PDB file of N, CA and C in Angstrom:
ATOM      1  N   ASN A   1       0.808  -1.212   0.000  1.00  0.00           N
ATOM      2  CA  ASN A   1       0.000   0.000   0.000  1.00  0.00           C
ATOM      3  C   ASN A   1       0.841   1.261   0.000  1.00  0.00           C
ATOM      4  N   SER A   2       2.149   1.143  -0.084  1.00  0.00           N
ATOM      5  CA  SER A   2       3.041   2.293  -0.004  1.00  0.00           C
ATOM      6  C   SER A   2       2.920   3.200  -1.218  1.00  0.00           C
ATOM      7  N   THR A   3       3.204   4.469  -0.988  1.00  0.00           N
ATOM      8  CA  THR A   3       3.356   5.443  -2.055  1.00  0.00           C
ATOM      9  C   THR A   3       4.835   5.797  -2.086  1.00  0.00           C
ATOM     10  N   ILE A   4       5.411   5.818  -3.286  1.00  0.00           N
ATOM     11  CA  ILE A   4       6.858   5.954  -3.399  1.00  0.00           C
ATOM     12  C   ILE A   4       7.259   7.005  -4.435  1.00  0.00           C
ATOM     13  N   LYS A   5       8.529   7.388  -4.367  1.00  0.00           N
ATOM     14  CA  LYS A   5       9.191   8.126  -5.435  1.00  0.00           C
ATOM     15  C   LYS A   5      10.317   7.224  -5.909  1.00  0.00           C
ATOM     16  N   THR A   6      10.375   6.978  -7.201  1.00  0.00           N
ATOM     17  CA  THR A   6      11.379   6.069  -7.731  1.00  0.00           C
ATOM     18  C   THR A   6      11.922   6.557  -9.058  1.00  0.00           C
ATOM     19  N   ASN A   7      13.139   6.206  -9.314  1.00  0.00           N
ATOM     20  CA  ASN A   7      13.753   6.410 -10.618  1.00  0.00           C
ATOM     21  C   ASN A   7      13.919   5.019 -11.225  1.00  0.00           C
ATOM     22  N   TYR A   8      13.583   4.860 -12.495  1.00  0.00           N
ATOM     23  CA  TYR A   8      13.620   3.524 -13.081  1.00  0.00           C
ATOM     24  C   TYR A   8      13.937   3.570 -14.570  1.00  0.00           C
ATOM     25  N   ASP A   9      14.449   2.463 -15.059  1.00  0.00           N
ATOM     26  CA  ASP A   9      14.613   2.200 -16.486  1.00  0.00           C
ATOM     27  C   ASP A   9      14.039   0.815 -16.735  1.00  0.00           C
ATOM     28  N   GLY A  10      13.122   0.720 -17.691  1.00  0.00           N
ATOM     29  CA  GLY A  10      12.524  -0.559 -18.039  1.00  0.00           C
ATOM     30  C   GLY A  10      13.010  -1.011 -19.398  1.00  0.00           C
ATOM     31  N   TYR A  11      13.375  -2.278 -19.498  1.00  0.00           N
ATOM     32  CA  TYR A  11      13.865  -2.789 -20.767  1.00  0.00           C
ATOM     33  C   TYR A  11      13.561  -4.272 -20.907  1.00  0.00           C
ATOM     34  N   PHE A  12      13.678  -4.744 -22.139  1.00  0.00           N
ATOM     35  CA  PHE A  12      13.449  -6.148 -22.465  1.00  0.00           C
ATOM     36  C   PHE A  12      14.745  -6.935 -22.265  1.00  0.00           C
ATOM     37  N   THR A  13      14.653  -8.250 -22.311  1.00  0.00           N
ATOM     38  CA  THR A  13      15.840  -9.088 -22.106  1.00  0.00           C
ATOM     39  C   THR A  13      16.881  -8.905 -23.201  1.00  0.00           C
ATOM     40  N   ASN A  14      16.495  -8.356 -24.358  1.00  0.00           N
ATOM     41  CA  ASN A  14      17.470  -8.084 -25.418  1.00  0.00           C
ATOM     42  C   ASN A  14      18.168  -6.737 -25.232  1.00  0.00           C
ATOM     43  N   GLY A  15      17.836  -6.019 -24.133  1.00  0.00           N
ATOM     44  CA  GLY A  15      18.452  -4.746 -23.825  1.00  0.00           C
ATOM     45  C   GLY A  15      17.713  -3.530 -24.357  1.00  0.00           C
ATOM     46  N   GLU A  16      16.684  -3.739 -25.176  1.00  0.00           N
ATOM     47  CA  GLU A  16      15.913  -2.626 -25.736  1.00  0.00           C
ATOM     48  C   GLU A  16      15.072  -1.962 -24.649  1.00  0.00           C
ATOM     49  N   SER A  17      15.193  -0.641 -24.542  1.00  0.00           N
ATOM     50  CA  SER A  17      14.452   0.115 -23.542  1.00  0.00           C
ATOM     51  C   SER A  17      13.008   0.331 -23.984  1.00  0.00           C
ATOM     52  N   PHE A  18      12.063   0.270 -23.007  1.00  0.00           N
ATOM     53  CA  PHE A  18      10.678   0.588 -23.330  1.00  0.00           C
ATOM     54  C   PHE A  18      10.125   1.723 -22.481  1.00  0.00           C
ATOM     55  N   ASP A  19      10.798   2.095 -21.408  1.00  0.00           N
ATOM     56  CA  ASP A  19      10.297   3.169 -20.551  1.00  0.00           C
ATOM     57  C   ASP A  19      11.367   3.543 -19.530  1.00  0.00           C
ATOM     58  N   GLY A  20      11.211   4.707 -18.935  1.00  0.00           N
ATOM     59  CA  GLY A  20      12.122   5.121 -17.887  1.00  0.00           C
ATOM     60  C   GLY A  20      11.806   6.520 -17.416  1.00  0.00           C
ATOM     61  N   GLY A  21      12.346   6.858 -16.268  1.00  0.00           N
ATOM     62  CA  GLY A  21      12.147   8.185 -15.724  1.00  0.00           C
ATOM     63  C   GLY A  21      12.017   8.159 -14.227  1.00  0.00           C
ATOM     64  N   THR A  22      11.444   9.220 -13.697  1.00  0.00           N
ATOM     65  CA  THR A  22      11.198   9.341 -12.270  1.00  0.00           C
ATOM     66  C   THR A  22       9.697   9.459 -12.059  1.00  0.00           C
ATOM     67  N   ILE A  23       9.193   8.720 -11.104  1.00  0.00           N
ATOM     68  CA  ILE A  23       7.776   8.783 -10.732  1.00  0.00           C
ATOM     69  C   ILE A  23       7.711   9.223  -9.279  1.00  0.00           C
ATOM     70  N   ASP A  24       6.902  10.224  -8.991  1.00  0.00           N
ATOM     71  CA  ASP A  24       6.729  10.709  -7.629  1.00  0.00           C
ATOM     72  C   ASP A  24       5.277  10.494  -7.209  1.00  0.00           C
ATOM     73  N   ASN A  25       5.097  10.192  -5.937  1.00  0.00           N
ATOM     74  CA  ASN A  25       3.760   9.939  -5.377  1.00  0.00           C
ATOM     75  C   ASN A  25       3.044   8.828  -6.132  1.00  0.00           C
ATOM     76  N   PHE A  26       3.757   7.730  -6.382  1.00  0.00           N
ATOM     77  CA  PHE A  26       3.232   6.581  -7.105  1.00  0.00           C
ATOM     78  C   PHE A  26       2.784   5.524  -6.102  1.00  0.00           C
ATOM     79  N   SER A  27       1.511   5.180  -6.138  1.00  0.00           N
ATOM     80  CA  SER A  27       0.971   4.162  -5.242  1.00  0.00           C
ATOM     81  C   SER A  27       1.230   2.779  -5.817  1.00  0.00           C
ATOM     82  N   LEU A  28       1.848   1.916  -5.031  1.00  0.00           N
ATOM     83  CA  LEU A  28       2.117   0.556  -5.501  1.00  0.00           C
ATOM     84  C   LEU A  28       0.844  -0.235  -5.756  1.00  0.00           C
ATOM     85  N   THR A  29      -0.274   0.208  -5.212  1.00  0.00           N
ATOM     86  CA  THR A  29      -1.534  -0.487  -5.502  1.00  0.00           C
ATOM     87  C   THR A  29      -1.914  -0.331  -6.976  1.00  0.00           C
ATOM     88  N   ASN A  30      -1.336   0.656  -7.666  1.00  0.00           N
ATOM     89  CA  ASN A  30      -1.599   0.868  -9.091  1.00  0.00           C
ATOM     90  C   ASN A  30      -0.550   0.212  -9.986  1.00  0.00           C
ATOM     91  N   ALA A  31       0.400  -0.472  -9.394  1.00  0.00           N
ATOM     92  CA  ALA A  31       1.518  -1.048 -10.139  1.00  0.00           C
ATOM     93  C   ALA A  31       1.238  -2.495 -10.531  1.00  0.00           C
ATOM     94  N   ILE A  32       2.051  -2.989 -11.484  1.00  0.00           N
ATOM     95  CA  ILE A  32       1.987  -4.410 -11.811  1.00  0.00           C
ATOM     96  C   ILE A  32       2.405  -5.209 -10.579  1.00  0.00           C
ATOM     97  N   VAL A  33       1.993  -6.448 -10.531  1.00  0.00           N
ATOM     98  CA  VAL A  33       2.256  -7.298  -9.368  1.00  0.00           C
ATOM     99  C   VAL A  33       3.756  -7.435  -9.102  1.00  0.00           C
ATOM    100  N   GLY A  34       4.551  -7.484 -10.147  1.00  0.00           N
ATOM    101  CA  GLY A  34       6.003  -7.583  -9.970  1.00  0.00           C
ATOM    102  C   GLY A  34       6.578  -6.430  -9.167  1.00  0.00           C
ATOM    103  N   TRP A  35       6.045  -5.230  -9.373  1.00  0.00           N
ATOM    104  CA  TRP A  35       6.477  -4.076  -8.574  1.00  0.00           C
ATOM    105  C   TRP A  35       5.913  -4.171  -7.165  1.00  0.00           C
ATOM    106  N   GLN A  36       4.684  -4.634  -7.015  1.00  0.00           N
ATOM    107  CA  GLN A  36       4.075  -4.763  -5.691  1.00  0.00           C
ATOM    108  C   GLN A  36       4.853  -5.746  -4.830  1.00  0.00           C
ATOM    109  N   ILE A  37       5.405  -6.764  -5.450  1.00  0.00           N
ATOM    110  CA  ILE A  37       6.210  -7.755  -4.730  1.00  0.00           C
ATOM    111  C   ILE A  37       7.644  -7.254  -4.530  1.00  0.00           C
ATOM    112  N   GLY A  38       8.232  -6.682  -5.564  1.00  0.00           N
ATOM    113  CA  GLY A  38       9.646  -6.341  -5.545  1.00  0.00           C
ATOM    114  C   GLY A  38      10.022  -5.071  -4.821  1.00  0.00           C
ATOM    115  N   MET A  39       9.265  -4.006  -5.018  1.00  0.00           N
ATOM    116  CA  MET A  39       9.672  -2.712  -4.439  1.00  0.00           C
ATOM    117  C   MET A  39       9.734  -2.710  -2.914  1.00  0.00           C
ATOM    118  N   PRO A  40       8.841  -3.411  -2.205  1.00  0.00           N
ATOM    119  CA  PRO A  40       8.959  -3.425  -0.738  1.00  0.00           C
ATOM    120  C   PRO A  40      10.242  -4.101  -0.219  1.00  0.00           C
ATOM    121  N   LYS A  41      10.960  -4.797  -1.093  1.00  0.00           N
ATOM    122  CA  LYS A  41      12.223  -5.430  -0.696  1.00  0.00           C
ATOM    123  C   LYS A  41      13.350  -4.408  -0.554  1.00  0.00           C
ATOM    124  N   PHE A  42      13.161  -3.214  -1.135  1.00  0.00           N
ATOM    125  CA  PHE A  42      14.181  -2.166  -1.082  1.00  0.00           C
ATOM    126  C   PHE A  42      13.920  -1.231   0.079  1.00  0.00           C
ATOM    127  N   LYS A  43      14.981  -0.765   0.684  1.00  0.00           N
ATOM    128  CA  LYS A  43      14.882   0.298   1.676  1.00  0.00           C
ATOM    129  C   LYS A  43      14.990   1.625   0.954  1.00  0.00           C
ATOM    130  N   GLU A  44      14.483   2.675   1.569  1.00  0.00           N
ATOM    131  CA  GLU A  44      14.616   4.009   0.998  1.00  0.00           C
ATOM    132  C   GLU A  44      16.089   4.290   0.738  1.00  0.00           C
ATOM    133  N   GLY A  45      16.399   4.745  -0.461  1.00  0.00           N
ATOM    134  CA  GLY A  45      17.779   4.987  -0.859  1.00  0.00           C
ATOM    135  C   GLY A  45      18.423   3.787  -1.537  1.00  0.00           C
ATOM    136  N   GLY A  46      17.736   2.645  -1.521  1.00  0.00           N
ATOM    137  CA  GLY A  46      18.273   1.437  -2.133  1.00  0.00           C
ATOM    138  C   GLY A  46      18.041   1.385  -3.629  1.00  0.00           C
ATOM    139  N   ALA A  47      18.758   0.478  -4.276  1.00  0.00           N
ATOM    140  CA  ALA A  47      18.645   0.312  -5.718  1.00  0.00           C
ATOM    141  C   ALA A  47      18.872  -1.144  -6.069  1.00  0.00           C
ATOM    142  N   GLY A  48      18.358  -1.540  -7.222  1.00  0.00           N
ATOM    143  CA  GLY A  48      18.541  -2.905  -7.668  1.00  0.00           C
ATOM    144  C   GLY A  48      17.811  -3.170  -8.965  1.00  0.00           C
ATOM    145  N   ILE A  49      17.661  -4.439  -9.254  1.00  0.00           N
ATOM    146  CA  ILE A  49      17.046  -4.877 -10.501  1.00  0.00           C
ATOM    147  C   ILE A  49      15.843  -5.752 -10.187  1.00  0.00           C
ATOM    148  N   LEU A  50      14.733  -5.481 -10.896  1.00  0.00           N
ATOM    149  CA  LEU A  50      13.554  -6.339 -10.823  1.00  0.00           C
ATOM    150  C   LEU A  50      13.455  -7.101 -12.144  1.00  0.00           C
ATOM    151  N   LEU A  51      13.538  -8.415 -12.092  1.00  0.00           N
ATOM    152  CA  LEU A  51      13.361  -9.282 -13.251  1.00  0.00           C
ATOM    153  C   LEU A  51      11.957  -9.849 -13.139  1.00  0.00           C
ATOM    154  N   ILE A  52      11.068  -9.439 -14.039  1.00  0.00           N
ATOM    155  CA  ILE A  52       9.645  -9.717 -13.879  1.00  0.00           C
ATOM    156  C   ILE A  52       9.135 -10.606 -15.008  1.00  0.00           C
ATOM    157  N   PRO A  53       8.743 -11.847 -14.678  1.00  0.00           N
ATOM    158  CA  PRO A  53       8.135 -12.703 -15.692  1.00  0.00           C
ATOM    159  C   PRO A  53       6.751 -12.172 -16.070  1.00  0.00           C
ATOM    160  N   SER A  54       6.272 -12.550 -17.231  1.00  0.00           N
ATOM    161  CA  SER A  54       5.005 -12.006 -17.717  1.00  0.00           C
ATOM    162  C   SER A  54       3.836 -12.301 -16.782  1.00  0.00           C
ATOM    163  N   SER A  55       3.909 -13.393 -16.031  1.00  0.00           N
ATOM    164  CA  SER A  55       2.795 -13.770 -15.143  1.00  0.00           C
ATOM    165  C   SER A  55       2.557 -12.744 -14.041  1.00  0.00           C
ATOM    166  N   ILE A  56       3.581 -11.962 -13.678  1.00  0.00           N
ATOM    167  CA  ILE A  56       3.397 -10.898 -12.688  1.00  0.00           C
ATOM    168  C   ILE A  56       3.764  -9.533 -13.272  1.00  0.00           C
ATOM    169  N   GLY A  57       3.813  -9.502 -14.618  1.00  0.00           N
ATOM    170  CA  GLY A  57       4.053  -8.273 -15.357  1.00  0.00           C
ATOM    171  C   GLY A  57       2.791  -7.878 -16.109  1.00  0.00           C
ATOM    172  N   TYR A  58       2.843  -7.997 -17.423  1.00  0.00           N
ATOM    173  CA  TYR A  58       1.696  -7.600 -18.252  1.00  0.00           C
ATOM    174  C   TYR A  58       0.956  -8.785 -18.858  1.00  0.00           C
ATOM    175  N   GLY A  59       1.290  -9.987 -18.403  1.00  0.00           N
ATOM    176  CA  GLY A  59       0.517 -11.178 -18.762  1.00  0.00           C
ATOM    177  C   GLY A  59       0.523 -11.526 -20.240  1.00  0.00           C
ATOM    178  N   ARG A  60      -0.498 -12.263 -20.620  1.00  0.00           N
ATOM    179  CA  ARG A  60      -0.614 -12.752 -22.003  1.00  0.00           C
ATOM    180  C   ARG A  60      -0.977 -11.659 -22.989  1.00  0.00           C
ATOM    181  N   THR A  61      -1.635 -10.611 -22.521  1.00  0.00           N
ATOM    182  CA  THR A  61      -2.126  -9.580 -23.440  1.00  0.00           C
ATOM    183  C   THR A  61      -1.150  -8.432 -23.657  1.00  0.00           C
ATOM    184  N   GLY A  62      -0.201  -8.240 -22.759  1.00  0.00           N
ATOM    185  CA  GLY A  62       0.742  -7.138 -22.867  1.00  0.00           C
ATOM    186  C   GLY A  62       0.178  -5.851 -22.284  1.00  0.00           C
ATOM    187  N   SER A  63       0.920  -4.772 -22.441  1.00  0.00           N
ATOM    188  CA  SER A  63       0.498  -3.488 -21.892  1.00  0.00           C
ATOM    189  C   SER A  63      -0.616  -2.882 -22.739  1.00  0.00           C
ATOM    190  N   SER A  64      -1.412  -2.031 -22.124  1.00  0.00           N
ATOM    191  CA  SER A  64      -2.550  -1.436 -22.826  1.00  0.00           C
ATOM    192  C   SER A  64      -2.120  -0.549 -23.984  1.00  0.00           C
ATOM    193  N   GLY A  65      -0.978   0.093 -23.878  1.00  0.00           N
ATOM    194  CA  GLY A  65      -0.484   0.944 -24.960  1.00  0.00           C
ATOM    195  C   GLY A  65       0.225   0.176 -26.058  1.00  0.00           C
ATOM    196  N   GLY A  66       0.465  -1.109 -25.815  1.00  0.00           N
ATOM    197  CA  GLY A  66       1.099  -1.945 -26.815  1.00  0.00           C
ATOM    198  C   GLY A  66       2.614  -1.910 -26.830  1.00  0.00           C
ATOM    199  N   SER A  67       3.233  -1.145 -25.931  1.00  0.00           N
ATOM    200  CA  SER A  67       4.696  -1.067 -25.951  1.00  0.00           C
ATOM    201  C   SER A  67       5.359  -2.333 -25.401  1.00  0.00           C
ATOM    202  N   ILE A  68       4.593  -3.121 -24.635  1.00  0.00           N
ATOM    203  CA  ILE A  68       5.110  -4.382 -24.098  1.00  0.00           C
ATOM    204  C   ILE A  68       4.212  -5.512 -24.602  1.00  0.00           C
ATOM    205  N   PRO A  69       4.747  -6.373 -25.461  1.00  0.00           N
ATOM    206  CA  PRO A  69       3.944  -7.475 -25.995  1.00  0.00           C
ATOM    207  C   PRO A  69       3.570  -8.480 -24.906  1.00  0.00           C
ATOM    208  N   GLY A  70       2.567  -9.276 -25.180  1.00  0.00           N
ATOM    209  CA  GLY A  70       2.168 -10.330 -24.256  1.00  0.00           C
ATOM    210  C   GLY A  70       3.267 -11.361 -24.065  1.00  0.00           C
ATOM    211  N   ASN A  71       3.221 -12.028 -22.926  1.00  0.00           N
ATOM    212  CA  ASN A  71       4.170 -13.095 -22.584  1.00  0.00           C
ATOM    213  C   ASN A  71       5.626 -12.640 -22.659  1.00  0.00           C
ATOM    214  N   THR A  72       5.892 -11.424 -22.182  1.00  0.00           N
ATOM    215  CA  THR A  72       7.236 -10.856 -22.257  1.00  0.00           C
ATOM    216  C   THR A  72       7.832 -10.659 -20.868  1.00  0.00           C
ATOM    217  N   VAL A  73       9.048 -11.163 -20.695  1.00  0.00           N
ATOM    218  CA  VAL A  73       9.812 -10.905 -19.482  1.00  0.00           C
ATOM    219  C   VAL A  73      10.343  -9.480 -19.573  1.00  0.00           C
ATOM    220  N   ILE A  74      10.205  -8.722 -18.481  1.00  0.00           N
ATOM    221  CA  ILE A  74      10.702  -7.344 -18.462  1.00  0.00           C
ATOM    222  C   ILE A  74      11.645  -7.147 -17.279  1.00  0.00           C
ATOM    223  N   ILE A  75      12.523  -6.174 -17.425  1.00  0.00           N
ATOM    224  CA  ILE A  75      13.542  -5.892 -16.418  1.00  0.00           C
ATOM    225  C   ILE A  75      13.475  -4.412 -16.073  1.00  0.00           C
ATOM    226  N   PHE A  76      13.589  -4.110 -14.792  1.00  0.00           N
ATOM    227  CA  PHE A  76      13.643  -2.725 -14.346  1.00  0.00           C
ATOM    228  C   PHE A  76      14.862  -2.508 -13.470  1.00  0.00           C
ATOM    229  N   ASP A  77      15.664  -1.489 -13.806  1.00  0.00           N
ATOM    230  CA  ASP A  77      16.678  -0.974 -12.892  1.00  0.00           C
ATOM    231  C   ASP A  77      15.968   0.091 -12.088  1.00  0.00           C
ATOM    232  N   VAL A  78      15.937  -0.057 -10.777  1.00  0.00           N
ATOM    233  CA  VAL A  78      15.171   0.865  -9.937  1.00  0.00           C
ATOM    234  C   VAL A  78      16.027   1.452  -8.819  1.00  0.00           C
ATOM    235  N   SER A  79      15.690   2.679  -8.445  1.00  0.00           N
ATOM    236  CA  SER A  79      16.233   3.323  -7.263  1.00  0.00           C
ATOM    237  C   SER A  79      15.036   3.819  -6.469  1.00  0.00           C
ATOM    238  N   LEU A  80      14.912   3.376  -5.232  1.00  0.00           N
ATOM    239  CA  LEU A  80      13.801   3.808  -4.374  1.00  0.00           C
ATOM    240  C   LEU A  80      14.237   5.081  -3.659  1.00  0.00           C
ATOM    241  N   LEU A  81      13.762   6.206  -4.143  1.00  0.00           N
ATOM    242  CA  LEU A  81      14.202   7.498  -3.634  1.00  0.00           C
ATOM    243  C   LEU A  81      13.507   7.919  -2.351  1.00  0.00           C
ATOM    244  N   LYS A  82      12.220   7.594  -2.218  1.00  0.00           N
ATOM    245  CA  LYS A  82      11.437   8.034  -1.058  1.00  0.00           C
ATOM    246  C   LYS A  82      10.241   7.119  -0.869  1.00  0.00           C
ATOM    247  N   VAL A  83       9.928   6.833   0.389  1.00  0.00           N
ATOM    248  CA  VAL A  83       8.688   6.136   0.760  1.00  0.00           C
ATOM    249  C   VAL A  83       7.866   7.104   1.575  1.00  0.00           C
ATOM    250  N   TYR A  84       6.631   7.336   1.155  1.00  0.00           N
ATOM    251  CA  TYR A  84       5.768   8.295   1.855  1.00  0.00           C
ATOM    252  C   TYR A  84       4.869   7.590   2.849  1.00  0.00           C
TER     253      TYR A  84
END
């Protein structure tokens, strides 16, 4: 249920980037399950990598905007800047 500020880069296993930036006041309840599971493992100021299989990412259908195809493993380099 945490709200966070994070810096992230999202990319596919082939290294191609699909998203990145800084998000402030982001509620994990609005995130994919992979973030809901992974981000609480970091302490404020921590950083790491989330390797997210499609089952806890965007599933069989992919992202609504189409930038992430269905059944795709995704990777995020994340820095947890603040927990509110």
